[in-house]
């Protein structure tokens, strides 16, 4: 039988130093993990499905290594300035739109055009398609922003405080329609036949209440969540835009994560998007009756007239000239 020599004091001391060093390194790693903050700024309200999904689904998934902070109602950065905040290194995440991205990368205006996406499923397939890779890469190169996933925001409809029935774009002449301030949003408002008025989302309720604007356009769940039914009288089911948001993260922040953490962040974003998508679809299916029960007039206009007018406006505009060759055909072919 082998008899082992007793450890010398020097050997014991070296072992203890090694254990102590390992504990220090472990503590340091834990501290580093705890120090990872993912601050998101977005215009959505705290009860919006996007905010709920990001907090409950995304935040819980990344909790083992990061502290997710959701700042809603544009409480951290003014709506429309989030992408610049990320580019400057002042913000980690946001929920951005194609319209906002188009301010920096004109090609994204194709996703802000009316009647391009057909439905929620088509929208997701477009985002995952190979032909989206160049646009995603350009976003990372120019803005230091990585697009993680696409969130279905819903079909946008017109929501008006006026009582005049709207059947065609001609009926919107002179109507002050609140739209976000970017050029892409303003163009959509004009394409619909209205007089677009720039206004931050947080100001819309008061704007409708006081008559500063005559209407706004949003998916039905957003209009319900913001309680616009209290200050409007009708909803015109134009469905002019299958609206989307992109879950976006700072590329520098993402690249600092370990490979395993990046996988978790990506899956967390996809799961949050899917959760919000399904809840949004469920809400949309039953909200028309909700607004009718609130005493509002809810009806469908001449959709052919709206579609032909809106598409013609885009095809004749400078926006279409900025779209990559063949991209619209590829989107339609999906």
C-alpha atoms as a PDB file:
ATOM      1  CA  UNK A   1       0.000   0.000   0.000  1.00  0.00           C
ATOM      2  CA  UNK A   2       1.287   3.442  -0.975  1.00  0.00           C
ATOM      3  CA  UNK A   3       1.915   5.763   1.920  1.00  0.00           C
ATOM      4  CA  UNK A   4       1.500   9.460   0.971  1.00  0.00           C
ATOM      5  CA  UNK A   5       3.765  12.013   2.559  1.00  0.00           C
ATOM      6  CA  UNK A   6       2.033  14.668   4.693  1.00  0.00           C
ATOM      7  CA  UNK A   7       1.609  18.027   3.038  1.00  0.00           C
ATOM      8  CA  UNK A   8       4.218  20.575   3.922  1.00  0.00           C
ATOM      9  CA  UNK A   9       3.242  23.981   5.359  1.00  0.00           C
ATOM     10  CA  UNK A  10       4.463  25.534   2.126  1.00  0.00           C
ATOM     11  CA  UNK A  11       2.224  23.212   0.077  1.00  0.00           C
ATOM     12  CA  UNK A  12      -0.771  23.929   2.309  1.00  0.00           C
ATOM     13  CA  UNK A  13      -0.171  27.667   2.018  1.00  0.00           C
ATOM     14  CA  UNK A  14      -0.040  27.426  -1.789  1.00  0.00           C
ATOM     15  CA  UNK A  15      -3.311  25.468  -1.837  1.00  0.00           C
ATOM     16  CA  UNK A  16      -5.017  28.022   0.374  1.00  0.00           C
ATOM     17  CA  UNK A  17      -3.775  30.878  -1.830  1.00  0.00           C
ATOM     18  CA  UNK A  18      -5.133  29.032  -4.881  1.00  0.00           C
ATOM     19  CA  UNK A  19      -8.550  28.535  -3.261  1.00  0.00           C
ATOM     20  CA  UNK A  20      -8.664  32.169  -2.188  1.00  0.00           C
ATOM     21  CA  UNK A  21      -7.778  33.307  -5.710  1.00  0.00           C
ATOM     22  CA  UNK A  22     -10.522  31.105  -7.164  1.00  0.00           C
ATOM     23  CA  UNK A  23     -13.044  32.575  -4.733  1.00  0.00           C
ATOM     24  CA  UNK A  24     -11.997  36.099  -5.672  1.00  0.00           C
ATOM     25  CA  UNK A  25     -12.270  35.312  -9.374  1.00  0.00           C
ATOM     26  CA  UNK A  26     -15.684  33.703  -8.814  1.00  0.00           C
ATOM     27  CA  UNK A  27     -16.908  36.693  -6.824  1.00  0.00           C
ATOM     28  CA  UNK A  28     -15.592  39.018  -9.511  1.00  0.00           C
ATOM     29  CA  UNK A  29     -17.465  37.072 -12.197  1.00  0.00           C
ATOM     30  CA  UNK A  30     -20.656  37.241 -10.203  1.00  0.00           C
ATOM     31  CA  UNK A  31     -20.231  40.964  -9.718  1.00  0.00           C
ATOM     32  CA  UNK A  32     -19.622  41.419 -13.441  1.00  0.00           C
ATOM     33  CA  UNK A  33     -22.759  39.465 -14.256  1.00  0.00           C
ATOM     34  CA  UNK A  34     -24.784  41.488 -11.793  1.00  0.00           C
ATOM     35  CA  UNK A  35     -23.438  44.675 -13.341  1.00  0.00           C
ATOM     36  CA  UNK A  36     -24.922  43.931 -16.778  1.00  0.00           C
ATOM     37  CA  UNK A  37     -27.863  46.273 -17.248  1.00  0.00           C
ATOM     38  CA  UNK A  38     -30.096  46.146 -20.291  1.00  0.00           C
ATOM     39  CA  UNK A  39     -32.002  49.438 -20.233  1.00  0.00           C
ATOM     40  CA  UNK A  40     -34.812  49.650 -22.760  1.00  0.00           C
ATOM     41  CA  UNK A  41     -36.601  52.870 -23.687  1.00  0.00           C
ATOM     42  CA  UNK A  42     -39.835  52.702 -25.680  1.00  0.00           C
ATOM     43  CA  UNK A  43     -43.020  54.753 -26.222  1.00  0.00           C
ATOM     44  CA  UNK A  44     -45.303  51.840 -25.298  1.00  0.00           C
ATOM     45  CA  UNK A  45     -47.244  52.054 -22.042  1.00  0.00           C
ATOM     46  CA  UNK A  46     -46.424  49.646 -19.215  1.00  0.00           C
ATOM     47  CA  UNK A  47     -49.614  47.654 -19.890  1.00  0.00           C
ATOM     48  CA  UNK A  48     -49.027  47.413 -23.653  1.00  0.00           C
ATOM     49  CA  UNK A  49     -48.455  43.815 -24.830  1.00  0.00           C
ATOM     50  CA  UNK A  50     -44.955  44.754 -26.009  1.00  0.00           C
ATOM     51  CA  UNK A  51     -43.964  46.065 -22.583  1.00  0.00           C
ATOM     52  CA  UNK A  52     -45.591  43.123 -20.800  1.00  0.00           C
ATOM     53  CA  UNK A  53     -43.769  40.595 -23.012  1.00  0.00           C
ATOM     54  CA  UNK A  54     -40.412  42.310 -22.667  1.00  0.00           C
ATOM     55  CA  UNK A  55     -40.722  42.502 -18.880  1.00  0.00           C
ATOM     56  CA  UNK A  56     -42.219  39.085 -18.172  1.00  0.00           C
ATOM     57  CA  UNK A  57     -40.678  36.969 -20.938  1.00  0.00           C
ATOM     58  CA  UNK A  58     -37.451  38.669 -21.965  1.00  0.00           C
ATOM     59  CA  UNK A  59     -36.556  40.066 -18.553  1.00  0.00           C
ATOM     60  CA  UNK A  60     -37.103  36.744 -16.789  1.00  0.00           C
ATOM     61  CA  UNK A  61     -35.043  34.825 -19.372  1.00  0.00           C
ATOM     62  CA  UNK A  62     -31.972  37.064 -19.052  1.00  0.00           C
ATOM     63  CA  UNK A  63     -32.263  37.504 -15.273  1.00  0.00           C
ATOM     64  CA  UNK A  64     -29.480  34.983 -14.444  1.00  0.00           C
ATOM     65  CA  UNK A  65     -26.860  37.307 -15.933  1.00  0.00           C
ATOM     66  CA  UNK A  66     -28.476  40.679 -16.636  1.00  0.00           C
ATOM     67  CA  UNK A  67     -30.828  43.192 -15.082  1.00  0.00           C
ATOM     68  CA  UNK A  68     -33.470  44.235 -17.636  1.00  0.00           C
ATOM     69  CA  UNK A  69     -34.947  47.692 -17.076  1.00  0.00           C
ATOM     70  CA  UNK A  70     -37.977  48.756 -19.099  1.00  0.00           C
ATOM     71  CA  UNK A  71     -38.612  52.500 -19.300  1.00  0.00           C
ATOM     72  CA  UNK A  72     -42.036  52.997 -20.877  1.00  0.00           C
ATOM     73  CA  UNK A  73     -44.017  55.973 -22.175  1.00  0.00           C
ATOM     74  CA  UNK A  74     -40.735  57.416 -23.523  1.00  0.00           C
ATOM     75  CA  UNK A  75     -39.822  58.258 -19.928  1.00  0.00           C
ATOM     76  CA  UNK A  76     -36.084  57.797 -20.498  1.00  0.00           C
ATOM     77  CA  UNK A  77     -35.620  59.123 -24.039  1.00  0.00           C
ATOM     78  CA  UNK A  78     -38.048  61.063 -26.206  1.00  0.00           C
ATOM     79  CA  UNK A  79     -39.792  59.036 -28.910  1.00  0.00           C
ATOM     80  CA  UNK A  80     -37.716  59.050 -32.074  1.00  0.00           C
ATOM     81  CA  UNK A  81     -34.376  59.565 -30.310  1.00  0.00           C
ATOM     82  CA  UNK A  82     -33.821  56.012 -29.036  1.00  0.00           C
ATOM     83  CA  UNK A  83     -31.722  54.818 -31.988  1.00  0.00           C
ATOM     84  CA  UNK A  84     -29.411  57.803 -31.662  1.00  0.00           C
ATOM     85  CA  UNK A  85     -29.116  57.135 -27.918  1.00  0.00           C
ATOM     86  CA  UNK A  86     -27.981  53.584 -28.647  1.00  0.00           C
ATOM     87  CA  UNK A  87     -25.514  54.814 -31.282  1.00  0.00           C
ATOM     88  CA  UNK A  88     -24.063  57.235 -28.696  1.00  0.00           C
ATOM     89  CA  UNK A  89     -23.758  54.463 -26.122  1.00  0.00           C
ATOM     90  CA  UNK A  90     -26.359  56.002 -23.803  1.00  0.00           C
ATOM     91  CA  UNK A  91     -28.977  53.253 -24.180  1.00  0.00           C
ATOM     92  CA  UNK A  92     -28.892  49.469 -24.458  1.00  0.00           C
ATOM     93  CA  UNK A  93     -32.201  48.474 -26.061  1.00  0.00           C
ATOM     94  CA  UNK A  94     -35.315  49.847 -27.689  1.00  0.00           C
ATOM     95  CA  UNK A  95     -38.407  48.806 -29.601  1.00  0.00           C
ATOM     96  CA  UNK A  96     -38.096  50.669 -32.884  1.00  0.00           C
ATOM     97  CA  UNK A  97     -40.157  50.980 -36.049  1.00  0.00           C
ATOM     98  CA  UNK A  98     -39.426  50.735 -39.761  1.00  0.00           C
ATOM     99  CA  UNK A  99     -40.327  54.413 -40.013  1.00  0.00           C
ATOM    100  CA  UNK A 100     -37.662  55.390 -37.487  1.00  0.00           C
ATOM    101  CA  UNK A 101     -35.059  53.195 -39.149  1.00  0.00           C
ATOM    102  CA  UNK A 102     -35.930  54.726 -42.521  1.00  0.00           C
ATOM    103  CA  UNK A 103     -34.722  58.078 -41.197  1.00  0.00           C
ATOM    104  CA  UNK A 104     -31.195  56.628 -41.267  1.00  0.00           C
ATOM    105  CA  UNK A 105     -31.524  53.764 -43.767  1.00  0.00           C
ATOM    106  CA  UNK A 106     -34.035  54.728 -46.502  1.00  0.00           C
ATOM    107  CA  UNK A 107     -34.463  51.140 -47.661  1.00  0.00           C
ATOM    108  CA  UNK A 108     -36.524  50.414 -44.528  1.00  0.00           C
ATOM    109  CA  UNK A 109     -39.270  52.688 -45.852  1.00  0.00           C
ATOM    110  CA  UNK A 110     -40.611  49.721 -47.804  1.00  0.00           C
ATOM    111  CA  UNK A 111     -41.841  48.280 -44.490  1.00  0.00           C
ATOM    112  CA  UNK A 112     -43.582  51.534 -43.644  1.00  0.00           C
ATOM    113  CA  UNK A 113     -45.513  51.538 -46.906  1.00  0.00           C
ATOM    114  CA  UNK A 114     -49.215  50.786 -46.782  1.00  0.00           C
ATOM    115  CA  UNK A 115     -50.496  47.354 -47.757  1.00  0.00           C
ATOM    116  CA  UNK A 116     -47.051  45.668 -48.124  1.00  0.00           C
ATOM    117  CA  UNK A 117     -47.223  43.095 -45.309  1.00  0.00           C
ATOM    118  CA  UNK A 118     -50.282  40.876 -45.537  1.00  0.00           C
ATOM    119  CA  UNK A 119     -50.578  39.638 -41.952  1.00  0.00           C
ATOM    120  CA  UNK A 120     -48.600  38.742 -38.835  1.00  0.00           C
ATOM    121  CA  UNK A 121     -47.258  35.470 -40.261  1.00  0.00           C
ATOM    122  CA  UNK A 122     -46.125  37.104 -43.502  1.00  0.00           C
ATOM    123  CA  UNK A 123     -44.422  39.841 -41.495  1.00  0.00           C
ATOM    124  CA  UNK A 124     -42.404  37.325 -39.485  1.00  0.00           C
ATOM    125  CA  UNK A 125     -41.404  35.357 -42.590  1.00  0.00           C
ATOM    126  CA  UNK A 126     -40.150  38.549 -44.205  1.00  0.00           C
ATOM    127  CA  UNK A 127     -37.966  39.347 -41.180  1.00  0.00           C
ATOM    128  CA  UNK A 128     -36.473  35.841 -41.174  1.00  0.00           C
ATOM    129  CA  UNK A 129     -35.885  35.745 -44.948  1.00  0.00           C
ATOM    130  CA  UNK A 130     -32.370  35.714 -46.399  1.00  0.00           C
ATOM    131  CA  UNK A 131     -33.023  38.925 -48.333  1.00  0.00           C
ATOM    132  CA  UNK A 132     -33.255  40.795 -44.993  1.00  0.00           C
ATOM    133  CA  UNK A 133     -29.615  40.041 -44.130  1.00  0.00           C
ATOM    134  CA  UNK A 134     -28.123  43.059 -45.991  1.00  0.00           C
ATOM    135  CA  UNK A 135     -30.523  45.445 -44.242  1.00  0.00           C
ATOM    136  CA  UNK A 136     -29.741  43.973 -40.828  1.00  0.00           C
ATOM    137  CA  UNK A 137     -26.005  44.222 -41.520  1.00  0.00           C
ATOM    138  CA  UNK A 138     -26.366  47.834 -42.647  1.00  0.00           C
ATOM    139  CA  UNK A 139     -28.230  48.666 -39.430  1.00  0.00           C
ATOM    140  CA  UNK A 140     -25.370  47.249 -37.383  1.00  0.00           C
ATOM    141  CA  UNK A 141     -22.714  49.048 -39.412  1.00  0.00           C
ATOM    142  CA  UNK A 142     -24.363  52.484 -39.466  1.00  0.00           C
ATOM    143  CA  UNK A 143     -26.182  52.629 -36.141  1.00  0.00           C
ATOM    144  CA  UNK A 144     -24.440  50.021 -34.000  1.00  0.00           C
ATOM    145  CA  UNK A 145     -27.907  48.483 -33.585  1.00  0.00           C
ATOM    146  CA  UNK A 146     -28.662  44.773 -33.859  1.00  0.00           C
ATOM    147  CA  UNK A 147     -32.221  43.799 -34.786  1.00  0.00           C
ATOM    148  CA  UNK A 148     -33.107  40.751 -32.705  1.00  0.00           C
ATOM    149  CA  UNK A 149     -36.705  40.008 -33.633  1.00  0.00           C
ATOM    150  CA  UNK A 150     -39.862  41.476 -35.119  1.00  0.00           C
ATOM    151  CA  UNK A 151     -42.921  42.236 -32.979  1.00  0.00           C
ATOM    152  CA  UNK A 152     -46.378  42.263 -34.500  1.00  0.00           C
ATOM    153  CA  UNK A 153     -48.006  45.486 -33.411  1.00  0.00           C
ATOM    154  CA  UNK A 154     -51.252  44.875 -35.267  1.00  0.00           C
ATOM    155  CA  UNK A 155     -53.255  46.225 -38.179  1.00  0.00           C
ATOM    156  CA  UNK A 156     -53.458  50.003 -37.973  1.00  0.00           C
ATOM    157  CA  UNK A 157     -56.911  51.548 -38.352  1.00  0.00           C
ATOM    158  CA  UNK A 158     -58.176  55.116 -38.331  1.00  0.00           C
ATOM    159  CA  UNK A 159     -59.624  56.339 -35.049  1.00  0.00           C
ATOM    160  CA  UNK A 160     -61.465  59.683 -35.345  1.00  0.00           C
ATOM    161  CA  UNK A 161     -63.196  62.134 -33.032  1.00  0.00           C
ATOM    162  CA  UNK A 162     -65.292  63.389 -35.966  1.00  0.00           C
ATOM    163  CA  UNK A 163     -68.654  61.874 -36.959  1.00  0.00           C
ATOM    164  CA  UNK A 164     -68.446  62.160 -40.750  1.00  0.00           C
ATOM    165  CA  UNK A 165     -68.397  58.686 -42.301  1.00  0.00           C
ATOM    166  CA  UNK A 166     -65.198  57.822 -44.164  1.00  0.00           C
ATOM    167  CA  UNK A 167     -65.513  55.578 -47.222  1.00  0.00           C
ATOM    168  CA  UNK A 168     -62.582  56.680 -49.425  1.00  0.00           C
ATOM    169  CA  UNK A 169     -59.372  58.707 -48.985  1.00  0.00           C
ATOM    170  CA  UNK A 170     -61.252  61.724 -50.358  1.00  0.00           C
ATOM    171  CA  UNK A 171     -63.335  61.759 -47.184  1.00  0.00           C
ATOM    172  CA  UNK A 172     -60.192  62.410 -45.110  1.00  0.00           C
ATOM    173  CA  UNK A 173     -59.389  65.681 -46.821  1.00  0.00           C
ATOM    174  CA  UNK A 174     -58.611  68.303 -44.173  1.00  0.00           C
ATOM    175  CA  UNK A 175     -58.711  65.788 -41.312  1.00  0.00           C
ATOM    176  CA  UNK A 176     -55.821  66.462 -38.895  1.00  0.00           C
ATOM    177  CA  UNK A 177     -54.506  62.960 -38.390  1.00  0.00           C
ATOM    178  CA  UNK A 178     -51.889  62.511 -35.693  1.00  0.00           C
ATOM    179  CA  UNK A 179     -48.852  60.665 -36.964  1.00  0.00           C
ATOM    180  CA  UNK A 180     -45.381  60.298 -35.436  1.00  0.00           C
ATOM    181  CA  UNK A 181     -42.966  62.993 -36.553  1.00  0.00           C
ATOM    182  CA  UNK A 182     -40.731  61.101 -38.998  1.00  0.00           C
ATOM    183  CA  UNK A 183     -40.995  61.783 -42.730  1.00  0.00           C
ATOM    184  CA  UNK A 184     -42.077  58.199 -43.418  1.00  0.00           C
ATOM    185  CA  UNK A 185     -45.030  58.466 -41.019  1.00  0.00           C
ATOM    186  CA  UNK A 186     -46.023  61.855 -42.378  1.00  0.00           C
ATOM    187  CA  UNK A 187     -45.983  60.506 -45.927  1.00  0.00           C
ATOM    188  CA  UNK A 188     -48.280  57.643 -44.945  1.00  0.00           C
ATOM    189  CA  UNK A 189     -50.736  60.142 -43.488  1.00  0.00           C
ATOM    190  CA  UNK A 190     -50.793  62.095 -46.757  1.00  0.00           C
ATOM    191  CA  UNK A 191     -51.127  58.884 -48.786  1.00  0.00           C
ATOM    192  CA  UNK A 192     -54.260  58.087 -46.792  1.00  0.00           C
ATOM    193  CA  UNK A 193     -55.717  61.439 -47.865  1.00  0.00           C
ATOM    194  CA  UNK A 194     -55.414  63.188 -44.489  1.00  0.00           C
ATOM    195  CA  UNK A 195     -53.455  66.176 -43.201  1.00  0.00           C
ATOM    196  CA  UNK A 196     -50.836  64.496 -41.006  1.00  0.00           C
ATOM    197  CA  UNK A 197     -49.919  66.274 -37.778  1.00  0.00           C
ATOM    198  CA  UNK A 198     -46.729  65.263 -35.921  1.00  0.00           C
ATOM    199  CA  UNK A 199     -47.278  64.491 -32.247  1.00  0.00           C
ATOM    200  CA  UNK A 200     -45.624  62.246 -29.670  1.00  0.00           C
ATOM    201  CA  UNK A 201     -47.716  59.269 -28.603  1.00  0.00           C
ATOM    202  CA  UNK A 202     -47.814  60.422 -24.980  1.00  0.00           C
ATOM    203  CA  UNK A 203     -49.599  63.616 -26.097  1.00  0.00           C
ATOM    204  CA  UNK A 204     -52.249  62.004 -28.312  1.00  0.00           C
ATOM    205  CA  UNK A 205     -55.010  61.539 -25.709  1.00  0.00           C
ATOM    206  CA  UNK A 206     -54.924  65.217 -24.774  1.00  0.00           C
ATOM    207  CA  UNK A 207     -54.613  66.202 -28.424  1.00  0.00           C
ATOM    208  CA  UNK A 208     -57.811  64.320 -29.263  1.00  0.00           C
ATOM    209  CA  UNK A 209     -59.558  65.630 -26.176  1.00  0.00           C
ATOM    210  CA  UNK A 210     -58.824  69.263 -27.026  1.00  0.00           C
ATOM    211  CA  UNK A 211     -59.264  68.968 -30.781  1.00  0.00           C
ATOM    212  CA  UNK A 212     -55.624  69.705 -31.579  1.00  0.00           C
ATOM    213  CA  UNK A 213     -55.906  66.632 -33.806  1.00  0.00           C
ATOM    214  CA  UNK A 214     -59.010  65.031 -35.311  1.00  0.00           C
ATOM    215  CA  UNK A 215     -57.797  61.471 -35.174  1.00  0.00           C
ATOM    216  CA  UNK A 216     -54.997  58.983 -34.816  1.00  0.00           C
ATOM    217  CA  UNK A 217     -54.121  55.625 -36.314  1.00  0.00           C
ATOM    218  CA  UNK A 218     -53.082  52.594 -34.292  1.00  0.00           C
ATOM    219  CA  UNK A 219     -53.928  48.904 -33.894  1.00  0.00           C
ATOM    220  CA  UNK A 220     -57.105  48.294 -31.910  1.00  0.00           C
ATOM    221  CA  UNK A 221     -55.286  46.936 -28.807  1.00  0.00           C
ATOM    222  CA  UNK A 222     -53.174  50.095 -28.611  1.00  0.00           C
ATOM    223  CA  UNK A 223     -56.237  52.324 -28.971  1.00  0.00           C
ATOM    224  CA  UNK A 224     -57.962  50.408 -26.187  1.00  0.00           C
ATOM    225  CA  UNK A 225     -54.926  50.420 -23.925  1.00  0.00           C
ATOM    226  CA  UNK A 226     -54.520  54.192 -24.355  1.00  0.00           C
ATOM    227  CA  UNK A 227     -58.279  54.677 -23.763  1.00  0.00           C
ATOM    228  CA  UNK A 228     -58.727  56.672 -26.965  1.00  0.00           C
ATOM    229  CA  UNK A 229     -62.341  55.455 -27.031  1.00  0.00           C
ATOM    230  CA  UNK A 230     -63.021  58.031 -24.318  1.00  0.00           C
ATOM    231  CA  UNK A 231     -62.209  60.928 -26.665  1.00  0.00           C
ATOM    232  CA  UNK A 232     -63.140  59.575 -30.133  1.00  0.00           C
ATOM    233  CA  UNK A 233     -66.359  58.574 -31.884  1.00  0.00           C
ATOM    234  CA  UNK A 234     -65.487  56.175 -34.693  1.00  0.00           C
ATOM    235  CA  UNK A 235     -63.028  53.572 -35.925  1.00  0.00           C
ATOM    236  CA  UNK A 236     -62.562  53.084 -39.660  1.00  0.00           C
ATOM    237  CA  UNK A 237     -61.161  49.600 -40.305  1.00  0.00           C
ATOM    238  CA  UNK A 238     -58.709  50.531 -43.050  1.00  0.00           C
ATOM    239  CA  UNK A 239     -56.023  48.018 -42.016  1.00  0.00           C
ATOM    240  CA  UNK A 240     -53.643  50.196 -43.996  1.00  0.00           C
ATOM    241  CA  UNK A 241     -50.507  48.976 -42.271  1.00  0.00           C
ATOM    242  CA  UNK A 242     -49.644  45.642 -40.710  1.00  0.00           C
ATOM    243  CA  UNK A 243     -47.533  47.450 -38.177  1.00  0.00           C
ATOM    244  CA  UNK A 244     -44.354  46.165 -36.631  1.00  0.00           C
ATOM    245  CA  UNK A 245     -41.684  46.947 -34.112  1.00  0.00           C
ATOM    246  CA  UNK A 246     -38.175  45.575 -34.047  1.00  0.00           C
ATOM    247  CA  UNK A 247     -36.626  44.489 -30.755  1.00  0.00           C
ATOM    248  CA  UNK A 248     -33.236  46.152 -31.014  1.00  0.00           C
ATOM    249  CA  UNK A 249     -30.082  46.005 -28.899  1.00  0.00           C
ATOM    250  CA  UNK A 250     -26.785  47.853 -28.976  1.00  0.00           C
ATOM    251  CA  UNK A 251     -24.351  45.831 -31.079  1.00  0.00           C
ATOM    252  CA  UNK A 252     -21.521  46.767 -28.703  1.00  0.00           C
ATOM    253  CA  UNK A 253     -23.520  45.538 -25.718  1.00  0.00           C
ATOM    254  CA  UNK A 254     -24.454  42.329 -27.540  1.00  0.00           C
ATOM    255  CA  UNK A 255     -20.854  41.661 -28.572  1.00  0.00           C
ATOM    256  CA  UNK A 256     -19.687  42.009 -24.949  1.00  0.00           C
ATOM    257  CA  UNK A 257     -21.897  39.110 -23.921  1.00  0.00           C
ATOM    258  CA  UNK A 258     -20.589  35.548 -23.935  1.00  0.00           C
ATOM    259  CA  UNK A 259     -21.728  33.258 -26.744  1.00  0.00           C
ATOM    260  CA  UNK A 260     -24.084  31.444 -24.345  1.00  0.00           C
ATOM    261  CA  UNK A 261     -25.544  34.749 -23.158  1.00  0.00           C
ATOM    262  CA  UNK A 262     -26.050  35.889 -26.758  1.00  0.00           C
ATOM    263  CA  UNK A 263     -28.003  32.710 -27.481  1.00  0.00           C
ATOM    264  CA  UNK A 264     -30.197  33.337 -24.438  1.00  0.00           C
ATOM    265  CA  UNK A 265     -30.786  36.989 -25.397  1.00  0.00           C
ATOM    266  CA  UNK A 266     -31.741  36.022 -28.949  1.00  0.00           C
ATOM    267  CA  UNK A 267     -34.159  33.305 -27.805  1.00  0.00           C
ATOM    268  CA  UNK A 268     -35.597  35.612 -25.145  1.00  0.00           C
ATOM    269  CA  UNK A 269     -36.312  38.250 -27.801  1.00  0.00           C
ATOM    270  CA  UNK A 270     -37.931  35.695 -30.108  1.00  0.00           C
ATOM    271  CA  UNK A 271     -40.057  34.315 -27.273  1.00  0.00           C
ATOM    272  CA  UNK A 272     -41.113  37.808 -26.169  1.00  0.00           C
ATOM    273  CA  UNK A 273     -42.065  38.693 -29.748  1.00  0.00           C
ATOM    274  CA  UNK A 274     -44.095  35.501 -30.123  1.00  0.00           C
ATOM    275  CA  UNK A 275     -45.860  36.051 -26.800  1.00  0.00           C
ATOM    276  CA  UNK A 276     -46.832  39.608 -27.735  1.00  0.00           C
ATOM    277  CA  UNK A 277     -47.831  38.486 -31.243  1.00  0.00           C
ATOM    278  CA  UNK A 278     -50.266  35.833 -30.046  1.00  0.00           C
ATOM    279  CA  UNK A 279     -51.810  38.086 -27.403  1.00  0.00           C
ATOM    280  CA  UNK A 280     -52.172  40.890 -29.922  1.00  0.00           C
ATOM    281  CA  UNK A 281     -53.908  38.613 -32.436  1.00  0.00           C
ATOM    282  CA  UNK A 282     -56.282  37.372 -29.736  1.00  0.00           C
ATOM    283  CA  UNK A 283     -57.123  40.913 -28.680  1.00  0.00           C
ATOM    284  CA  UNK A 284     -57.681  42.110 -32.244  1.00  0.00           C
ATOM    285  CA  UNK A 285     -60.173  39.327 -32.873  1.00  0.00           C
ATOM    286  CA  UNK A 286     -62.567  40.598 -30.215  1.00  0.00           C
ATOM    287  CA  UNK A 287     -61.922  44.328 -29.844  1.00  0.00           C
ATOM    288  CA  UNK A 288     -64.266  45.599 -32.544  1.00  0.00           C
ATOM    289  CA  UNK A 289     -67.184  44.591 -30.351  1.00  0.00           C
ATOM    290  CA  UNK A 290     -65.551  46.241 -27.348  1.00  0.00           C
ATOM    291  CA  UNK A 291     -65.524  49.610 -29.136  1.00  0.00           C
ATOM    292  CA  UNK A 292     -69.088  49.116 -30.372  1.00  0.00           C
ATOM    293  CA  UNK A 293     -70.155  48.463 -26.779  1.00  0.00           C
ATOM    294  CA  UNK A 294     -68.485  51.772 -25.868  1.00  0.00           C
ATOM    295  CA  UNK A 295     -70.871  53.507 -28.254  1.00  0.00           C
ATOM    296  CA  UNK A 296     -68.445  53.976 -31.119  1.00  0.00           C
ATOM    297  CA  UNK A 297     -69.200  53.547 -34.811  1.00  0.00           C
ATOM    298  CA  UNK A 298     -66.955  50.759 -36.160  1.00  0.00           C
ATOM    299  CA  UNK A 299     -67.096  49.961 -39.874  1.00  0.00           C
ATOM    300  CA  UNK A 300     -65.090  48.997 -42.953  1.00  0.00           C
ATOM    301  CA  UNK A 301     -64.585  51.567 -45.732  1.00  0.00           C
ATOM    302  CA  UNK A 302     -63.951  50.957 -49.451  1.00  0.00           C
ATOM    303  CA  UNK A 303     -60.713  49.018 -48.979  1.00  0.00           C
ATOM    304  CA  UNK A 304     -60.012  48.807 -52.718  1.00  0.00           C
ATOM    305  CA  UNK A 305     -60.093  52.590 -52.926  1.00  0.00           C
ATOM    306  CA  UNK A 306     -57.720  52.952 -49.987  1.00  0.00           C
ATOM    307  CA  UNK A 307     -55.329  50.269 -51.189  1.00  0.00           C
ATOM    308  CA  UNK A 308     -55.079  51.559 -54.753  1.00  0.00           C
ATOM    309  CA  UNK A 309     -54.656  55.177 -53.599  1.00  0.00           C
ATOM    310  CA  UNK A 310     -51.998  54.396 -50.996  1.00  0.00           C
ATOM    311  CA  UNK A 311     -49.972  52.051 -53.191  1.00  0.00           C
ATOM    312  CA  UNK A 312     -50.046  54.499 -56.102  1.00  0.00           C
ATOM    313  CA  UNK A 313     -48.736  57.259 -53.818  1.00  0.00           C
ATOM    314  CA  UNK A 314     -45.779  55.132 -52.758  1.00  0.00           C
ATOM    315  CA  UNK A 315     -44.914  53.836 -56.215  1.00  0.00           C
ATOM    316  CA  UNK A 316     -44.819  57.406 -57.529  1.00  0.00           C
ATOM    317  CA  UNK A 317     -42.704  58.675 -54.625  1.00  0.00           C
ATOM    318  CA  UNK A 318     -38.985  58.930 -53.989  1.00  0.00           C
ATOM    319  CA  UNK A 319     -39.371  56.207 -51.376  1.00  0.00           C
ATOM    320  CA  UNK A 320     -39.874  53.535 -54.031  1.00  0.00           C
ATOM    321  CA  UNK A 321     -36.673  54.686 -55.747  1.00  0.00           C
ATOM    322  CA  UNK A 322     -34.770  53.893 -52.560  1.00  0.00           C
ATOM    323  CA  UNK A 323     -36.071  50.353 -52.245  1.00  0.00           C
ATOM    324  CA  UNK A 324     -33.551  47.653 -53.235  1.00  0.00           C
ATOM    325  CA  UNK A 325     -34.215  46.279 -56.708  1.00  0.00           C
ATOM    326  CA  UNK A 326     -36.557  43.312 -56.599  1.00  0.00           C
ATOM    327  CA  UNK A 327     -37.217  43.522 -52.845  1.00  0.00           C
ATOM    328  CA  UNK A 328     -40.944  44.240 -53.180  1.00  0.00           C
ATOM    329  CA  UNK A 329     -41.297  41.293 -55.550  1.00  0.00           C
ATOM    330  CA  UNK A 330     -39.477  39.027 -53.076  1.00  0.00           C
ATOM    331  CA  UNK A 331     -41.743  40.187 -50.262  1.00  0.00           C
ATOM    332  CA  UNK A 332     -44.840  39.547 -52.369  1.00  0.00           C
ATOM    333  CA  UNK A 333     -43.550  36.104 -53.355  1.00  0.00           C
ATOM    334  CA  UNK A 334     -43.302  34.843 -49.781  1.00  0.00           C
END
